[in-house]
Protein backbone atom coordinates (compact mmCIF):
# COMPACT_ATOMS: atom_id res chain seq x y z
CA MET A 1 -8.68 4.63 -10.11
CA LEU A 2 -5.86 3.89 -7.26
CA ARG A 3 -4.90 0.35 -8.07
CA GLY A 4 -1.70 -0.38 -10.16
CA LYS A 5 -0.29 2.82 -9.12
CA ARG A 6 2.66 3.81 -6.45
CA PHE A 7 2.52 6.28 -3.01
CA GLN A 8 5.01 7.96 -1.19
CA LEU A 9 3.44 8.69 1.72
CA THR A 10 4.02 12.37 3.90
CA ARG A 11 3.78 11.24 7.23
CA PRO A 12 2.70 7.89 9.13
CA THR A 13 0.19 5.93 8.32
CA VAL A 14 -1.10 2.38 9.48
CA GLY A 15 -1.88 -0.57 7.57
CA ILE A 16 -2.66 -4.02 8.47
CA GLN A 17 -0.44 -7.62 7.21
CA LEU A 18 -1.94 -10.97 7.30
CA LEU A 19 0.52 -13.17 7.88
CA ASN A 20 0.06 -16.79 8.86
CA GLY A 21 -3.20 -16.57 9.52
CA ASN A 22 -2.98 -14.09 11.97
CA ARG A 23 -3.24 -10.14 11.48
CA PHE A 24 -1.18 -8.21 12.74
CA VAL A 25 -1.11 -3.48 12.81
CA VAL A 26 2.01 -2.41 11.78
CA GLU A 27 3.21 1.38 11.15
CA LEU A 28 4.24 2.24 7.37
CA PRO A 29 6.67 5.12 7.96
CA ALA A 30 6.35 8.52 6.03
CA ASN A 31 8.63 8.50 2.49
CA ALA A 32 7.57 4.31 2.37
CA VAL A 33 6.61 3.87 -0.92
CA VAL A 34 3.63 1.45 -1.44
CA LYS A 35 2.06 -0.38 -4.71
CA VAL A 36 -1.78 -0.51 -4.98
CA LEU A 37 -2.29 -4.22 -5.79
CA PRO A 38 -4.71 -4.50 -9.01
CA GLY A 39 -6.58 -6.92 -7.84
CA PRO A 40 -7.89 -9.35 -4.58
CA ASP A 41 -5.80 -10.06 -1.93
CA VAL A 42 -3.08 -12.65 -1.92
CA ASN A 43 -5.43 -14.28 -0.38
CA GLY A 44 -8.01 -14.07 -2.92
CA LYS A 45 -10.83 -11.86 -1.19
CA VAL A 46 -11.96 -9.09 -2.73
CA SER A 47 -10.51 -5.33 -1.59
CA ASP A 48 -14.31 -4.05 1.17
CA LYS A 49 -15.02 -0.79 0.29
CA GLY A 50 -13.39 1.83 1.24
CA ILE A 51 -9.85 -0.56 2.01
CA LEU A 52 -7.07 -1.63 -0.35
CA TYR A 53 -4.28 -3.67 -0.97
CA ALA A 54 -0.77 -2.35 -1.73
CA THR A 55 2.29 -3.94 -1.29
CA TRP A 56 5.87 -2.48 0.53
CA GLU A 57 8.76 -3.88 1.40
CA GLU A 58 7.15 -7.00 -0.46
CA ARG A 59 4.58 -7.51 2.35
CA THR A 60 1.44 -6.82 1.29
CA VAL A 61 -0.60 -4.64 3.43
CA ALA A 62 -4.52 -3.50 3.77
CA MET A 63 -5.43 0.12 4.08
CA PHE A 64 -8.02 2.78 4.21
CA VAL A 65 -8.05 4.22 0.70
CA VAL A 66 -8.89 7.99 2.52
CA ASP A 67 -5.44 7.53 4.64
CA LEU A 68 -3.79 6.71 0.89
CA GLU A 69 -5.75 9.61 -0.66
CA GLN A 70 -4.86 12.05 2.36
CA ARG A 71 -1.03 11.01 3.15
CA GLY A 72 0.58 9.97 -0.12
CA ILE A 73 1.55 11.48 -3.20
CA GLU A 74 1.58 9.55 -6.30
CA VAL A 75 4.84 8.43 -7.84
CA ALA A 76 5.73 8.42 -11.57
CA GLU A 77 7.57 5.44 -12.94
CA ASP A 78 10.38 6.77 -13.92
CA HIS A 79 11.06 7.98 -10.47
CA TRP A 80 10.52 4.66 -8.74
CA SER A 81 13.04 3.10 -11.21
CA ALA A 82 15.70 5.53 -10.32
CA THR A 83 15.36 5.36 -6.83
CA GLY A 84 15.18 1.55 -7.02
CA GLY A 85 11.85 1.23 -5.38
CA GLY A 86 10.20 -2.45 -6.14
């Protein structure tokens, strides 16, 4: 289960950001840290199979689960706090 966990990306990864009803492709850079949201996205929609919602730099982005599994390394809570993540 990925929900509520934080991951640091090992290489650039694509996400989709919903802003004012429009969808934008965003590239999350290598070393970005994302936190997987514990429930439905900000619009109340339940995650589709294979899609998760995460926060990155105060943005909510949709990502493929497989991208996070292949390109992310779980970051411990103490590391997150020490690096000023949030």
